[in-house]
Each structure stands twice: as structure tokens, then as C-alpha cells.
Amino acid sequence: MDARAVFLDRDGVINPYVYHPEFGTVDSPARPSEFSLFPGVGAAIKRLNQLGLLVVVVSNQPGIAKRKFTVSHLEAVTNRMRSSVRSAGGKIDAVYYCRHHPDSLLPLYRKNCDCRKPQPGLLLAAARDHKIDVARSYTIGDGIVDILAGAAAGTTTFFVSSRKCYACDELARRHVRPDFCVRDLREASEVICALETGDVTTAEKHSFADGCLSAELL
């Protein structure tokens, strides 16, 4: 039987974005010292592990293409992420990054690829490598591109948001909607646990309703 997985976006789901004064932007952490887990992330991933689900990080990381950091910096941040989750008792089974960008300053990474979300390439590559049944798997992300990629791959999608009403209109314009809305990864893990154990009543409280977040979540 094929494995099942939870595909996690990284920045905004596992860790906070950080401010980079040299660029004047809020973006992905570029150094291990800038990386930290959101509260409860390690425990949430541990819960997903205990459900027998693979935990696979799938993330657009164009910082190298934009010359904001190097390959070694990205690897160091990834190692910090893995070790931080491991220290909390959880395990990340695999990490897939898209390093491309159509306007890359480096020719090697300048391309329109099928792995940059909203394309589902990262999820499908992980599915091939790990024999994952995507139709019985989940995607969790805080961006519209995550929902689009997860839906295109055929997964059940979770939109991490508190009050992103602007996103509802864009989701409608793209003709896609998440299956569930949650505040954070901890809450997503609770809903997945409910789904896995047949607790439909609990899961339905977090269903995406009428293009807006359920009143119970606001």
C-alpha cells in the first residue's frame, strides 16, 4: 500500500518570516540564526508522525536565484529546521525546494519550471520518490499558491490563516478553495487527527465556508 503524507509549506507555517534590513523586505530566514519554529510546531509534527503520515516540506525558495543567500545558507537553515523539530520529538521525512525564479539574477535558476508553486511539481516529485498516495494525503500552507499546488496534486488542503479575507477573492478568481481553514499547524494537526479517527464533527468546524473563515475561528 502506498504511503500517505502531509505536505507542509515552510515559511509562515513552520517558522516566521523575518525582516531583512539590507533589502527592506520581510522574507524567508537567510541564516540559521534567523530561523525559529512557531510555538507548537514540533509537537504538531510529532502528532502527524504518530498518525503514520510522512511529513514532507515543499517550499518555494528563490532566495538563491535573487542572490539573497547561498546554497550553503539554505542547507544550514534546513539543518536548523530539522534539528529544531527533532528536539521537540518530531521528524521531517523529506524536504523539497524549488530554487527557480523566472527573473533570476543567476542564469542557472532562471526558468519557468513545473516545481515552483502554484505548480504541483514538488508534491508530485515527492510522491514518486516516496510512493505517496496524493489523493489520501494533505497539504498545509499559508499562501494561495500552496492551496493551488495542493489542489492540483489532488490532496486535501488546509489554509493557514486568521483573517485573510483578501485571499478569499483571489481563491475564487482562481476557481479553487481550501478544504479547511486553521490558525496554525497545531490546529491543522488536530483536524487531521480528527479526520483520521473519524471525528467528523470536530473536523467540520474548520471547513472552508462560503468563501470566508468560519465565525468560530475569528
C-alpha atoms as a PDB file:
ATOM      1  CA  MET A   1       0.000   0.000   0.000  1.00  0.00           C
ATOM      2  CA  ASP A   2       1.273   3.475  -0.871  1.00  0.00           C
ATOM      3  CA  ALA A   3       2.368   5.846   1.887  1.00  0.00           C
ATOM      4  CA  ARG A   4       0.360   8.891   2.861  1.00  0.00           C
ATOM      5  CA  ALA A   5       1.807  12.287   3.663  1.00  0.00           C
ATOM      6  CA  VAL A   6       1.313  15.792   4.934  1.00  0.00           C
ATOM      7  CA  PHE A   7       2.948  18.308   2.596  1.00  0.00           C
ATOM      8  CA  LEU A   8       3.982  21.391   4.570  1.00  0.00           C
ATOM      9  CA  ASP A   9       4.879  24.800   3.279  1.00  0.00           C
ATOM     10  CA  ARG A  10       7.800  26.150   5.289  1.00  0.00           C
ATOM     11  CA  ASP A  11       7.798  29.929   5.863  1.00  0.00           C
ATOM     12  CA  GLY A  12       4.617  31.078   7.567  1.00  0.00           C
ATOM     13  CA  VAL A  13       3.678  27.545   8.626  1.00  0.00           C
ATOM     14  CA  ILE A  14       6.740  26.034  10.299  1.00  0.00           C
ATOM     15  CA  ASN A  15       8.637  29.250  11.008  1.00  0.00           C
ATOM     16  CA  PRO A  16       8.030  33.011  10.977  1.00  0.00           C
ATOM     17  CA  TYR A  17       9.208  35.281   8.213  1.00  0.00           C
ATOM     18  CA  VAL A  18      11.969  37.689   9.200  1.00  0.00           C
ATOM     19  CA  TYR A  19      12.787  41.302   8.374  1.00  0.00           C
ATOM     20  CA  HIS A  20      15.922  41.831   6.255  1.00  0.00           C
ATOM     21  CA  PRO A  21      17.072  45.445   6.724  1.00  0.00           C
ATOM     22  CA  GLU A  22      19.619  45.210   3.902  1.00  0.00           C
ATOM     23  CA  PHE A  23      16.802  44.580   1.415  1.00  0.00           C
ATOM     24  CA  GLY A  24      13.998  46.315   3.310  1.00  0.00           C
ATOM     25  CA  THR A  25      11.822  43.215   2.976  1.00  0.00           C
ATOM     26  CA  VAL A  26      10.093  40.609   5.084  1.00  0.00           C
ATOM     27  CA  ASP A  27      11.176  37.278   3.671  1.00  0.00           C
ATOM     28  CA  SER A  28      12.482  33.789   4.383  1.00  0.00           C
ATOM     29  CA  PRO A  29      15.188  33.378   7.018  1.00  0.00           C
ATOM     30  CA  ALA A  30      18.550  33.518   5.260  1.00  0.00           C
ATOM     31  CA  ARG A  31      20.741  32.296   8.140  1.00  0.00           C
ATOM     32  CA  PRO A  32      20.254  29.630  10.826  1.00  0.00           C
ATOM     33  CA  SER A  33      20.335  32.354  13.492  1.00  0.00           C
ATOM     34  CA  GLU A  34      17.206  33.854  11.896  1.00  0.00           C
ATOM     35  CA  PHE A  35      15.255  30.602  11.967  1.00  0.00           C
ATOM     36  CA  SER A  36      12.861  29.636  14.752  1.00  0.00           C
ATOM     37  CA  LEU A  37       9.842  27.373  14.988  1.00  0.00           C
ATOM     38  CA  PHE A  38       6.382  28.737  15.626  1.00  0.00           C
ATOM     39  CA  PRO A  39       5.106  27.625  19.048  1.00  0.00           C
ATOM     40  CA  GLY A  40       3.703  24.112  18.980  1.00  0.00           C
ATOM     41  CA  VAL A  41       5.159  23.152  15.594  1.00  0.00           C
ATOM     42  CA  GLY A  42       7.401  20.397  16.922  1.00  0.00           C
ATOM     43  CA  ALA A  43       4.546  18.795  18.855  1.00  0.00           C
ATOM     44  CA  ALA A  44       2.214  19.115  15.835  1.00  0.00           C
ATOM     45  CA  ILE A  45       4.687  17.335  13.577  1.00  0.00           C
ATOM     46  CA  LYS A  46       5.170  14.649  16.216  1.00  0.00           C
ATOM     47  CA  ARG A  47       1.411  14.094  16.219  1.00  0.00           C
ATOM     48  CA  LEU A  48       1.411  13.715  12.436  1.00  0.00           C
ATOM     49  CA  ASN A  49       4.284  11.230  12.722  1.00  0.00           C
ATOM     50  CA  GLN A  50       2.281   9.228  15.247  1.00  0.00           C
ATOM     51  CA  LEU A  51      -0.627   9.030  12.803  1.00  0.00           C
ATOM     52  CA  GLY A  52       1.692   7.198  10.404  1.00  0.00           C
ATOM     53  CA  LEU A  53       1.858  10.089   7.937  1.00  0.00           C
ATOM     54  CA  LEU A  54       5.064  11.172   6.236  1.00  0.00           C
ATOM     55  CA  VAL A  55       5.901  14.835   6.831  1.00  0.00           C
ATOM     56  CA  VAL A  56       7.303  16.431   3.668  1.00  0.00           C
ATOM     57  CA  VAL A  57       8.311  20.095   3.416  1.00  0.00           C
ATOM     58  CA  VAL A  58       7.593  21.611  -0.020  1.00  0.00           C
ATOM     59  CA  SER A  59       8.664  25.232  -0.367  1.00  0.00           C
ATOM     60  CA  ASN A  60       9.497  27.874  -2.975  1.00  0.00           C
ATOM     61  CA  GLN A  61      12.930  29.199  -2.030  1.00  0.00           C
ATOM     62  CA  PRO A  62      14.062  31.681  -4.694  1.00  0.00           C
ATOM     63  CA  GLY A  63      16.491  33.460  -2.380  1.00  0.00           C
ATOM     64  CA  ILE A  64      19.497  31.950  -4.146  1.00  0.00           C
ATOM     65  CA  ALA A  65      18.096  32.985  -7.536  1.00  0.00           C
ATOM     66  CA  LYS A  66      17.662  36.526  -6.168  1.00  0.00           C
ATOM     67  CA  ARG A  67      21.196  36.447  -4.696  1.00  0.00           C
ATOM     68  CA  LYS A  68      19.885  36.988  -1.178  1.00  0.00           C
ATOM     69  CA  PHE A  69      21.661  33.920   0.197  1.00  0.00           C
ATOM     70  CA  THR A  70      23.724  30.965  -0.970  1.00  0.00           C
ATOM     71  CA  VAL A  71      23.177  27.220  -1.313  1.00  0.00           C
ATOM     72  CA  SER A  72      25.151  26.645   1.876  1.00  0.00           C
ATOM     73  CA  HIS A  73      22.970  29.138   3.731  1.00  0.00           C
ATOM     74  CA  LEU A  74      19.824  27.314   2.610  1.00  0.00           C
ATOM     75  CA  GLU A  75      21.291  23.971   3.656  1.00  0.00           C
ATOM     76  CA  ALA A  76      22.222  25.383   7.062  1.00  0.00           C
ATOM     77  CA  VAL A  77      18.686  26.730   7.610  1.00  0.00           C
ATOM     78  CA  THR A  78      17.269  23.342   6.573  1.00  0.00           C
ATOM     79  CA  ASN A  79      19.521  21.572   9.068  1.00  0.00           C
ATOM     80  CA  ARG A  80      18.399  24.002  11.764  1.00  0.00           C
ATOM     81  CA  MET A  81      14.755  23.282  10.904  1.00  0.00           C
ATOM     82  CA  ARG A  82      15.238  19.521  11.053  1.00  0.00           C
ATOM     83  CA  SER A  83      17.146  19.630  14.334  1.00  0.00           C
ATOM     84  CA  SER A  84      14.639  22.012  15.950  1.00  0.00           C
ATOM     85  CA  VAL A  85      11.754  19.705  15.065  1.00  0.00           C
ATOM     86  CA  ARG A  86      13.737  16.663  16.193  1.00  0.00           C
ATOM     87  CA  SER A  87      14.450  18.305  19.555  1.00  0.00           C
ATOM     88  CA  ALA A  88      10.674  18.582  20.062  1.00  0.00           C
ATOM     89  CA  GLY A  89      10.194  14.886  19.319  1.00  0.00           C
ATOM     90  CA  GLY A  90       9.081  15.224  15.691  1.00  0.00           C
ATOM     91  CA  LYS A  91      10.588  14.150  12.392  1.00  0.00           C
ATOM     92  CA  ILE A  92      10.639  15.721   8.939  1.00  0.00           C
ATOM     93  CA  ASP A  93      10.865  12.861   6.460  1.00  0.00           C
ATOM     94  CA  ALA A  94      11.860  14.843   3.367  1.00  0.00           C
ATOM     95  CA  VAL A  95      12.418  18.385   2.118  1.00  0.00           C
ATOM     96  CA  TYR A  96      11.788  19.587  -1.434  1.00  0.00           C
ATOM     97  CA  TYR A  97      12.643  23.124  -2.534  1.00  0.00           C
ATOM     98  CA  CYS A  98      12.080  24.977  -5.779  1.00  0.00           C
ATOM     99  CA  ARG A  99      15.077  27.282  -6.208  1.00  0.00           C
ATOM    100  CA  HIS A 100      13.978  28.708  -9.547  1.00  0.00           C
ATOM    101  CA  HIS A 101      12.573  32.106 -10.409  1.00  0.00           C
ATOM    102  CA  PRO A 102      11.631  33.419 -13.878  1.00  0.00           C
ATOM    103  CA  ASP A 103      13.508  36.660 -13.160  1.00  0.00           C
ATOM    104  CA  SER A 104      16.525  35.084 -11.505  1.00  0.00           C
ATOM    105  CA  LEU A 105      19.764  37.062 -11.439  1.00  0.00           C
ATOM    106  CA  LEU A 106      21.580  33.749 -11.972  1.00  0.00           C
ATOM    107  CA  PRO A 107      21.068  32.012 -15.349  1.00  0.00           C
ATOM    108  CA  LEU A 108      21.177  28.555 -13.741  1.00  0.00           C
ATOM    109  CA  TYR A 109      17.963  29.284 -11.826  1.00  0.00           C
ATOM    110  CA  ARG A 110      16.190  31.451 -14.409  1.00  0.00           C
ATOM    111  CA  LYS A 111      13.347  29.377 -15.781  1.00  0.00           C
ATOM    112  CA  ASN A 112       9.620  28.794 -15.786  1.00  0.00           C
ATOM    113  CA  CYS A 113       9.537  25.419 -14.077  1.00  0.00           C
ATOM    114  CA  ASP A 114       6.892  22.915 -13.058  1.00  0.00           C
ATOM    115  CA  CYS A 115       8.108  22.764  -9.454  1.00  0.00           C
ATOM    116  CA  ARG A 116       7.519  26.369  -8.391  1.00  0.00           C
ATOM    117  CA  LYS A 117       4.179  26.537  -6.616  1.00  0.00           C
ATOM    118  CA  PRO A 118       1.364  27.004  -7.695  1.00  0.00           C
ATOM    119  CA  GLN A 119       2.584  24.217  -9.961  1.00  0.00           C
ATOM    120  CA  PRO A 120       2.358  20.830  -8.178  1.00  0.00           C
ATOM    121  CA  GLY A 121       5.808  19.589  -9.255  1.00  0.00           C
ATOM    122  CA  LEU A 122       7.352  19.459  -5.767  1.00  0.00           C
ATOM    123  CA  LEU A 123       4.477  17.390  -4.399  1.00  0.00           C
ATOM    124  CA  LEU A 124       4.457  15.057  -7.388  1.00  0.00           C
ATOM    125  CA  ALA A 125       8.231  14.554  -7.197  1.00  0.00           C
ATOM    126  CA  ALA A 126       7.937  13.637  -3.513  1.00  0.00           C
ATOM    127  CA  ALA A 127       5.055  11.302  -4.354  1.00  0.00           C
ATOM    128  CA  ARG A 128       7.180   9.497  -6.934  1.00  0.00           C
ATOM    129  CA  ASP A 129      10.210   9.264  -4.672  1.00  0.00           C
ATOM    130  CA  HIS A 130       8.333   8.011  -1.626  1.00  0.00           C
ATOM    131  CA  LYS A 131       5.416   6.169  -3.271  1.00  0.00           C
ATOM    132  CA  ILE A 132       2.862   8.550  -1.747  1.00  0.00           C
ATOM    133  CA  ASP A 133      -0.850   8.311  -2.488  1.00  0.00           C
ATOM    134  CA  VAL A 134      -1.568  12.008  -3.012  1.00  0.00           C
ATOM    135  CA  ALA A 135      -5.342  11.515  -3.092  1.00  0.00           C
ATOM    136  CA  ARG A 136      -5.164  10.350   0.518  1.00  0.00           C
ATOM    137  CA  SER A 137      -2.678  12.994   1.625  1.00  0.00           C
ATOM    138  CA  TYR A 138      -2.830  16.577   2.917  1.00  0.00           C
ATOM    139  CA  THR A 139      -1.293  19.951   2.035  1.00  0.00           C
ATOM    140  CA  ILE A 140      -0.906  22.762   4.588  1.00  0.00           C
ATOM    141  CA  GLY A 141       0.092  26.274   3.550  1.00  0.00           C
ATOM    142  CA  ASP A 142      -0.421  29.953   4.296  1.00  0.00           C
ATOM    143  CA  GLY A 143      -0.466  31.125   0.690  1.00  0.00           C
ATOM    144  CA  ILE A 144      -2.791  30.857  -2.278  1.00  0.00           C
ATOM    145  CA  VAL A 145      -0.019  29.143  -4.246  1.00  0.00           C
ATOM    146  CA  ASP A 146       0.071  26.366  -1.627  1.00  0.00           C
ATOM    147  CA  ILE A 147      -3.650  25.714  -1.982  1.00  0.00           C
ATOM    148  CA  LEU A 148      -3.417  25.752  -5.766  1.00  0.00           C
ATOM    149  CA  ALA A 149      -0.496  23.299  -5.749  1.00  0.00           C
ATOM    150  CA  GLY A 150      -2.159  21.014  -3.215  1.00  0.00           C
ATOM    151  CA  ALA A 151      -5.427  21.012  -5.150  1.00  0.00           C
ATOM    152  CA  ALA A 152      -3.651  20.369  -8.462  1.00  0.00           C
ATOM    153  CA  ALA A 153      -1.899  17.372  -6.916  1.00  0.00           C
ATOM    154  CA  GLY A 154      -5.221  16.056  -5.607  1.00  0.00           C
ATOM    155  CA  THR A 155      -4.611  16.444  -1.867  1.00  0.00           C
ATOM    156  CA  THR A 156      -6.890  17.689   0.909  1.00  0.00           C
ATOM    157  CA  THR A 157      -5.879  21.304   1.517  1.00  0.00           C
ATOM    158  CA  PHE A 158      -5.527  23.410   4.670  1.00  0.00           C
ATOM    159  CA  PHE A 159      -5.265  27.190   4.511  1.00  0.00           C
ATOM    160  CA  VAL A 160      -3.349  28.618   7.487  1.00  0.00           C
ATOM    161  CA  SER A 161      -4.954  31.988   8.142  1.00  0.00           C
ATOM    162  CA  SER A 162      -6.628  34.069  10.813  1.00  0.00           C
ATOM    163  CA  ARG A 163      -8.261  36.887   8.851  1.00  0.00           C
ATOM    164  CA  LYS A 164      -7.045  36.833   5.246  1.00  0.00           C
ATOM    165  CA  CYS A 165     -10.308  37.909   3.651  1.00  0.00           C
ATOM    166  CA  TYR A 166      -8.408  39.331   0.678  1.00  0.00           C
ATOM    167  CA  ALA A 167      -7.326  35.789  -0.142  1.00  0.00           C
ATOM    168  CA  CYS A 168     -10.917  34.588  -0.449  1.00  0.00           C
ATOM    169  CA  ASP A 169     -11.496  36.723  -3.542  1.00  0.00           C
ATOM    170  CA  GLU A 170      -8.280  35.550  -5.145  1.00  0.00           C
ATOM    171  CA  LEU A 171      -9.076  31.912  -4.404  1.00  0.00           C
ATOM    172  CA  ALA A 172     -12.470  32.382  -6.034  1.00  0.00           C
ATOM    173  CA  ARG A 173     -10.839  34.057  -9.045  1.00  0.00           C
ATOM    174  CA  ARG A 174      -8.530  31.061  -9.410  1.00  0.00           C
ATOM    175  CA  HIS A 175     -11.501  28.685  -9.058  1.00  0.00           C
ATOM    176  CA  VAL A 176     -10.048  26.865  -6.080  1.00  0.00           C
ATOM    177  CA  ARG A 177     -10.924  26.731  -2.408  1.00  0.00           C
ATOM    178  CA  PRO A 178      -9.211  25.068   0.551  1.00  0.00           C
ATOM    179  CA  ASP A 179     -10.970  22.204   2.254  1.00  0.00           C
ATOM    180  CA  PHE A 180     -10.189  23.543   5.722  1.00  0.00           C
ATOM    181  CA  CYS A 181      -9.064  26.791   7.365  1.00  0.00           C
ATOM    182  CA  VAL A 182      -6.936  26.751  10.519  1.00  0.00           C
ATOM    183  CA  ARG A 183      -4.969  29.242  12.600  1.00  0.00           C
ATOM    184  CA  ASP A 184      -1.694  27.322  12.584  1.00  0.00           C
ATOM    185  CA  LEU A 185      -0.001  23.961  12.145  1.00  0.00           C
ATOM    186  CA  ARG A 186      -1.007  22.863  15.631  1.00  0.00           C
ATOM    187  CA  GLU A 187      -4.681  23.322  14.772  1.00  0.00           C
ATOM    188  CA  ALA A 188      -4.191  21.636  11.396  1.00  0.00           C
ATOM    189  CA  SER A 189      -2.715  18.583  13.112  1.00  0.00           C
ATOM    190  CA  GLU A 190      -5.770  18.419  15.384  1.00  0.00           C
ATOM    191  CA  VAL A 191      -8.130  18.481  12.403  1.00  0.00           C
ATOM    192  CA  ILE A 192      -6.116  15.823  10.582  1.00  0.00           C
ATOM    193  CA  CYS A 193      -6.208  13.688  13.715  1.00  0.00           C
ATOM    194  CA  ALA A 194      -9.995  14.126  13.793  1.00  0.00           C
ATOM    195  CA  LEU A 195     -10.259  13.116  10.136  1.00  0.00           C
ATOM    196  CA  GLU A 196      -8.029  10.103  10.652  1.00  0.00           C
ATOM    197  CA  THR A 197     -10.034   8.904  13.641  1.00  0.00           C
ATOM    198  CA  GLY A 198     -13.457   9.562  12.137  1.00  0.00           C
ATOM    199  CA  ASP A 199     -14.338  12.556  14.305  1.00  0.00           C
ATOM    200  CA  VAL A 200     -16.208  14.338  11.526  1.00  0.00           C
ATOM    201  CA  THR A 201     -17.943  16.806  13.859  1.00  0.00           C
ATOM    202  CA  THR A 202     -14.652  18.288  15.052  1.00  0.00           C
ATOM    203  CA  ALA A 203     -13.215  18.440  11.531  1.00  0.00           C
ATOM    204  CA  GLU A 204     -16.289  20.142  10.079  1.00  0.00           C
ATOM    205  CA  LYS A 205     -15.859  23.081  12.464  1.00  0.00           C
ATOM    206  CA  HIS A 206     -12.843  24.075  10.400  1.00  0.00           C
ATOM    207  CA  SER A 207     -14.329  23.583   6.942  1.00  0.00           C
ATOM    208  CA  PHE A 208     -13.979  26.437   4.486  1.00  0.00           C
ATOM    209  CA  ALA A 209     -17.472  28.014   4.433  1.00  0.00           C
ATOM    210  CA  ASP A 210     -18.915  30.354   1.816  1.00  0.00           C
ATOM    211  CA  GLY A 211     -15.565  31.817   0.835  1.00  0.00           C
ATOM    212  CA  CYS A 212     -14.765  33.081   4.338  1.00  0.00           C
ATOM    213  CA  LEU A 213     -13.404  31.684   7.546  1.00  0.00           C
ATOM    214  CA  SER A 214     -15.855  30.132   9.932  1.00  0.00           C
ATOM    215  CA  ALA A 215     -17.037  32.551  12.605  1.00  0.00           C
ATOM    216  CA  GLU A 216     -15.722  30.130  15.226  1.00  0.00           C
ATOM    217  CA  LEU A 217     -12.177  30.804  14.013  1.00  0.00           C
ATOM    218  CA  LEU A 218     -12.332  34.609  14.165  1.00  0.00           C
END
